[in-house]
Amino acid sequence: MPKHEFAVAMTCEGCSGAVSRILSRLEDVKFEIDLPNQLVWIESDKDADILLETLKKCGKQVTYKGTK
């Protein structure tokens, strides 16, 4: 499974919690949140565009950085 990296404008635990709640709804997705560096890594076979649109639902600015 590819590991996608996203920059997400998170400033607090509430922000990372919102990201976590949204990603938890997706099936077959593993993710890590790095709050200090405002990064989210998602391991998934889903298309990066689908993951990007899902992350945008948390109301934060999101940028796709590529795969690792």
C-alpha atoms as a PDB file:
ATOM      1  CA  MET A   1       0.000   0.000   0.000  1.00  0.00           C
ATOM      2  CA  PRO A   2       1.382   3.413  -0.863  1.00  0.00           C
ATOM      3  CA  LYS A   3       1.916   5.928   1.923  1.00  0.00           C
ATOM      4  CA  HIS A   4       0.644   9.410   1.040  1.00  0.00           C
ATOM      5  CA  GLU A   5       1.881  12.553   2.783  1.00  0.00           C
ATOM      6  CA  PHE A   6      -0.326  15.588   3.368  1.00  0.00           C
ATOM      7  CA  ALA A   7       0.363  18.944   4.993  1.00  0.00           C
ATOM      8  CA  VAL A   8      -2.642  19.888   7.132  1.00  0.00           C
ATOM      9  CA  ALA A   9      -2.957  23.234   8.950  1.00  0.00           C
ATOM     10  CA  MET A  10      -3.395  21.815  12.471  1.00  0.00           C
ATOM     11  CA  THR A  11      -2.632  23.981  15.489  1.00  0.00           C
ATOM     12  CA  CYS A  12      -4.007  21.975  18.413  1.00  0.00           C
ATOM     13  CA  GLU A  13      -5.239  18.596  19.643  1.00  0.00           C
ATOM     14  CA  GLY A  14      -8.753  19.547  18.539  1.00  0.00           C
ATOM     15  CA  CYS A  15      -7.531  19.946  14.961  1.00  0.00           C
ATOM     16  CA  SER A  16      -5.759  16.603  14.945  1.00  0.00           C
ATOM     17  CA  GLY A  17      -8.814  15.031  16.573  1.00  0.00           C
ATOM     18  CA  ALA A  18     -11.015  16.304  13.733  1.00  0.00           C
ATOM     19  CA  VAL A  19      -8.609  14.819  11.170  1.00  0.00           C
ATOM     20  CA  SER A  20      -8.548  11.530  13.073  1.00  0.00           C
ATOM     21  CA  ARG A  21     -12.358  11.321  13.244  1.00  0.00           C
ATOM     22  CA  ILE A  22     -12.716  11.911   9.496  1.00  0.00           C
ATOM     23  CA  LEU A  23     -10.029   9.396   8.516  1.00  0.00           C
ATOM     24  CA  SER A  24     -11.423   6.780  10.919  1.00  0.00           C
ATOM     25  CA  ARG A  25     -14.587   6.643   8.801  1.00  0.00           C
ATOM     26  CA  LEU A  26     -12.652   5.342   5.775  1.00  0.00           C
ATOM     27  CA  GLU A  27     -12.201   1.604   5.322  1.00  0.00           C
ATOM     28  CA  ASP A  28      -8.772   0.010   4.795  1.00  0.00           C
ATOM     29  CA  VAL A  29      -6.860   3.139   5.802  1.00  0.00           C
ATOM     30  CA  LYS A  30      -3.990   3.449   8.270  1.00  0.00           C
ATOM     31  CA  PHE A  31      -2.827   6.922   9.238  1.00  0.00           C
ATOM     32  CA  GLU A  32      -0.352   8.801  11.414  1.00  0.00           C
ATOM     33  CA  ILE A  33      -0.685  12.404  12.535  1.00  0.00           C
ATOM     34  CA  ASP A  34       2.374  14.549  13.293  1.00  0.00           C
ATOM     35  CA  LEU A  35       0.835  17.593  14.983  1.00  0.00           C
ATOM     36  CA  PRO A  36       4.072  19.584  15.621  1.00  0.00           C
ATOM     37  CA  ASN A  37       5.044  19.373  11.932  1.00  0.00           C
ATOM     38  CA  GLN A  38       1.426  19.588  10.695  1.00  0.00           C
ATOM     39  CA  LEU A  39       1.749  16.400   8.627  1.00  0.00           C
ATOM     40  CA  VAL A  40      -0.548  13.432   8.056  1.00  0.00           C
ATOM     41  CA  TRP A  41       0.579  10.158   6.496  1.00  0.00           C
ATOM     42  CA  ILE A  42      -2.087   7.871   5.093  1.00  0.00           C
ATOM     43  CA  GLU A  43      -1.451   4.289   4.009  1.00  0.00           C
ATOM     44  CA  SER A  44      -4.150   3.348   1.534  1.00  0.00           C
ATOM     45  CA  ASP A  45      -4.868   1.944  -1.909  1.00  0.00           C
ATOM     46  CA  LYS A  46      -7.400   4.739  -2.409  1.00  0.00           C
ATOM     47  CA  ASP A  47      -6.644   7.458  -4.950  1.00  0.00           C
ATOM     48  CA  ALA A  48      -4.789  10.475  -3.520  1.00  0.00           C
ATOM     49  CA  ASP A  49      -7.556  12.801  -4.776  1.00  0.00           C
ATOM     50  CA  ILE A  50     -10.147  10.910  -2.717  1.00  0.00           C
ATOM     51  CA  LEU A  51      -7.941  11.152   0.374  1.00  0.00           C
ATOM     52  CA  LEU A  52      -7.367  14.867  -0.249  1.00  0.00           C
ATOM     53  CA  GLU A  53     -11.101  15.591  -0.566  1.00  0.00           C
ATOM     54  CA  THR A  54     -11.779  13.572   2.583  1.00  0.00           C
ATOM     55  CA  LEU A  55      -9.165  15.522   4.552  1.00  0.00           C
ATOM     56  CA  LYS A  56     -10.609  18.843   3.354  1.00  0.00           C
ATOM     57  CA  LYS A  57     -13.865  17.940   5.129  1.00  0.00           C
ATOM     58  CA  CYS A  58     -12.172  18.751   8.451  1.00  0.00           C
ATOM     59  CA  GLY A  59     -12.191  22.425   7.424  1.00  0.00           C
ATOM     60  CA  LYS A  60      -8.414  22.851   7.436  1.00  0.00           C
ATOM     61  CA  GLN A  61      -6.089  23.856   4.625  1.00  0.00           C
ATOM     62  CA  VAL A  62      -4.697  20.647   3.094  1.00  0.00           C
ATOM     63  CA  THR A  63      -1.876  20.136   0.593  1.00  0.00           C
ATOM     64  CA  TYR A  64      -0.845  16.848  -0.997  1.00  0.00           C
ATOM     65  CA  LYS A  65       2.933  16.389  -0.693  1.00  0.00           C
ATOM     66  CA  GLY A  66       3.312  13.053  -2.534  1.00  0.00           C
ATOM     67  CA  THR A  67       4.060   9.451  -1.645  1.00  0.00           C
ATOM     68  CA  LYS A  68       6.809   8.237   0.627  1.00  0.00           C
END
